[in-house]
Amino acid sequence: MNTQNIRNGVIGGLVGGMVFGMMMAMMGMLPMVGKLVGVPNALAGWVVHLGISAAIGASFAVIFGRSVISIGGGLVRGALYGSVWWVLGPLTLMPLMLGMGLGANWNLAAATNFLPSLMGHMIFGAVLGASYARLALGGGRRQSVATSTSRVV
């Protein structure tokens, strides 16, 4: 793993985070994210959300970086990774950090209420994975060693 891959993951996470963040803003969810740092407003929520998005993007690069060999593959891995973060984020870590306790949202009623969030997390992950792949693969085109070096005649 090199720093360029992690940088690509951070950028992918920020791109996905901006898309998901706009969705969250339209639903009025950003102040709740701001509560994680004790500032329940949309601006604080936006900053916290983008910080989390960048960290998730970096972790995507570490976990999946070498296995992403196409934009489609990045998109699928990202969508699946986003669904994992739906379980880890709003169903597990967020209620824990807000003092509701571990497992407060581990029930069918809560999961059903958070289905729009699942879609948002999957879209976030898909954008993250596709963005990461595009950056890591040089715009979707992998240059072969033969075409990237000069031929000595």
Protein backbone atom coordinates (compact mmCIF):
# COMPACT_ATOMS: atom_id res chain seq x y z
CA MET A 1 0.00 0.00 0.00
CA ASN A 2 1.39 3.38 -0.93
CA THR A 3 0.42 6.90 0.03
CA GLN A 4 -0.96 7.58 -3.47
CA ASN A 5 -3.57 4.83 -2.98
CA ILE A 6 -4.57 6.27 0.39
CA ARG A 7 -4.76 9.76 -1.16
CA ASN A 8 -7.02 8.36 -3.89
CA GLY A 9 -9.18 6.78 -1.20
CA VAL A 10 -9.45 10.05 0.74
CA ILE A 11 -10.43 11.91 -2.44
CA GLY A 12 -12.95 9.19 -3.34
CA GLY A 13 -14.36 9.38 0.18
CA LEU A 14 -14.71 13.15 -0.07
CA VAL A 15 -16.47 12.92 -3.45
CA GLY A 16 -18.84 10.26 -2.11
CA GLY A 17 -19.24 12.27 1.09
CA MET A 18 -20.27 15.38 -0.83
CA VAL A 19 -22.95 13.45 -2.72
CA PHE A 20 -24.26 11.75 0.44
CA GLY A 21 -23.91 14.98 2.43
CA MET A 22 -26.17 16.84 0.00
CA MET A 23 -28.74 14.07 0.40
CA MET A 24 -28.43 14.31 4.19
CA ALA A 25 -28.80 18.09 4.04
CA MET A 26 -32.05 17.78 2.07
CA MET A 27 -33.38 15.39 4.73
CA GLY A 28 -32.28 17.64 7.61
CA MET A 29 -29.89 15.02 9.03
CA LEU A 30 -26.69 17.07 9.31
CA PRO A 31 -27.46 18.65 12.73
CA MET A 32 -27.68 15.14 14.20
CA VAL A 33 -24.19 14.40 12.84
CA GLY A 34 -23.01 17.66 14.42
CA LYS A 35 -24.20 16.34 17.79
CA LEU A 36 -21.27 13.89 17.64
CA VAL A 37 -18.99 16.83 18.45
CA GLY A 38 -21.50 18.67 20.64
CA VAL A 39 -22.52 21.22 17.99
CA PRO A 40 -25.96 20.29 16.66
CA ASN A 41 -26.03 22.40 13.50
CA ALA A 42 -25.75 21.69 9.79
CA LEU A 43 -22.31 23.28 9.31
CA ALA A 44 -20.73 21.22 12.09
CA GLY A 45 -22.51 18.14 10.77
CA TRP A 46 -21.15 18.81 7.28
CA VAL A 47 -17.57 19.12 8.56
CA VAL A 48 -17.85 15.98 10.73
CA HIS A 49 -19.50 14.07 7.88
CA LEU A 50 -16.71 14.97 5.42
CA GLY A 51 -14.04 14.01 7.98
CA ILE A 52 -15.68 10.62 8.47
CA SER A 53 -16.06 10.24 4.69
CA ALA A 54 -12.35 10.91 4.15
CA ALA A 55 -11.40 8.34 6.83
CA ILE A 56 -13.73 5.73 5.32
CA GLY A 57 -12.22 6.47 1.90
CA ALA A 58 -8.71 5.88 3.26
CA SER A 59 -9.82 2.61 4.86
CA PHE A 60 -11.41 1.56 1.54
CA ALA A 61 -8.03 2.07 -0.16
CA VAL A 62 -6.23 0.01 2.49
CA ILE A 63 -8.76 -2.84 2.42
CA PHE A 64 -9.71 -2.98 -1.26
CA GLY A 65 -7.03 -0.99 -3.08
CA ARG A 66 -5.25 -3.84 -4.79
CA SER A 67 -8.44 -5.68 -5.73
CA VAL A 68 -9.97 -2.73 -7.59
CA ILE A 69 -9.04 -3.35 -11.23
CA SER A 70 -11.98 -1.62 -12.93
CA ILE A 71 -14.41 1.18 -12.29
CA GLY A 72 -17.28 -1.32 -12.12
CA GLY A 73 -15.37 -3.41 -9.59
CA GLY A 74 -14.73 -0.31 -7.48
CA LEU A 75 -18.39 0.64 -7.69
CA VAL A 76 -19.57 -2.78 -6.48
CA ARG A 77 -16.98 -3.03 -3.70
CA GLY A 78 -17.82 0.51 -2.65
CA ALA A 79 -21.58 -0.12 -2.51
CA LEU A 80 -20.99 -3.20 -0.37
CA TYR A 81 -18.57 -1.29 1.85
CA GLY A 82 -21.13 1.49 2.20
CA SER A 83 -23.71 -1.02 3.43
CA VAL A 84 -21.21 -2.25 6.04
CA TRP A 85 -20.80 1.35 7.20
CA TRP A 86 -24.59 1.66 7.48
CA VAL A 87 -24.46 -1.06 10.14
CA LEU A 88 -21.35 0.41 11.77
CA GLY A 89 -22.46 4.06 11.59
CA PRO A 90 -26.13 4.86 12.24
CA LEU A 91 -27.01 1.47 13.68
CA THR A 92 -23.99 1.05 15.98
CA LEU A 93 -21.47 3.85 16.52
CA MET A 94 -23.71 6.90 16.30
CA PRO A 95 -26.19 5.80 18.99
CA LEU A 96 -23.26 4.67 21.14
CA MET A 97 -21.52 8.04 20.79
CA LEU A 98 -24.76 9.91 21.49
CA GLY A 99 -25.20 8.05 24.79
CA MET A 100 -27.99 5.72 23.68
CA GLY A 101 -25.92 2.61 24.38
CA LEU A 102 -24.61 -0.24 22.28
CA GLY A 103 -27.29 -1.96 20.26
CA ALA A 104 -29.93 0.74 20.65
CA ASN A 105 -30.70 0.54 16.92
CA TRP A 106 -30.16 -3.19 16.52
CA ASN A 107 -33.79 -4.05 15.96
CA LEU A 108 -36.10 -4.41 12.99
CA ALA A 109 -38.05 -1.21 13.70
CA ALA A 110 -34.92 0.95 13.83
CA ALA A 111 -33.37 -0.74 10.80
CA THR A 112 -36.60 -0.16 8.87
CA ASN A 113 -36.60 3.52 9.85
CA PHE A 114 -33.00 3.78 8.63
CA LEU A 115 -33.61 2.23 5.17
CA PRO A 116 -33.22 5.62 3.44
CA SER A 117 -29.87 5.87 5.20
CA LEU A 118 -28.91 2.45 3.82
CA MET A 119 -29.54 3.73 0.30
CA GLY A 120 -27.47 6.83 1.06
CA HIS A 121 -24.59 4.76 2.42
CA MET A 122 -24.68 2.48 -0.62
CA ILE A 123 -24.66 5.48 -2.97
CA PHE A 124 -21.81 7.00 -0.95
CA GLY A 125 -19.86 3.74 -1.23
CA ALA A 126 -20.55 3.36 -4.96
CA VAL A 127 -19.32 6.91 -5.64
CA LEU A 128 -16.31 6.32 -3.37
CA GLY A 129 -15.39 3.07 -5.12
CA ALA A 130 -15.89 4.40 -8.65
CA SER A 131 -13.94 7.59 -7.85
CA TYR A 132 -11.14 5.59 -6.25
CA ALA A 133 -10.95 3.29 -9.27
CA ARG A 134 -10.91 6.19 -11.71
CA LEU A 135 -8.04 7.84 -9.84
CA ALA A 136 -6.09 4.63 -9.17
CA LEU A 137 -6.45 3.34 -12.72
CA GLY A 138 -5.55 6.62 -14.37
CA GLY A 139 -8.97 7.65 -15.57
CA GLY A 140 -10.14 4.11 -16.18
CA ARG A 141 -7.30 3.31 -18.56
CA ARG A 142 -4.47 1.22 -17.23
CA GLN A 143 -1.26 1.96 -19.10
CA SER A 144 0.87 -1.08 -19.79
CA VAL A 145 4.58 -1.13 -19.11
CA ALA A 146 5.23 -1.65 -22.81
CA THR A 147 3.43 1.56 -23.79
CA SER A 148 4.78 3.63 -20.92
CA THR A 149 8.46 3.10 -21.67
CA SER A 150 10.48 4.15 -24.66
CA ARG A 151 11.56 1.49 -27.05
CA VAL A 152 15.32 1.33 -27.51
CA VAL A 153 16.21 0.66 -31.15
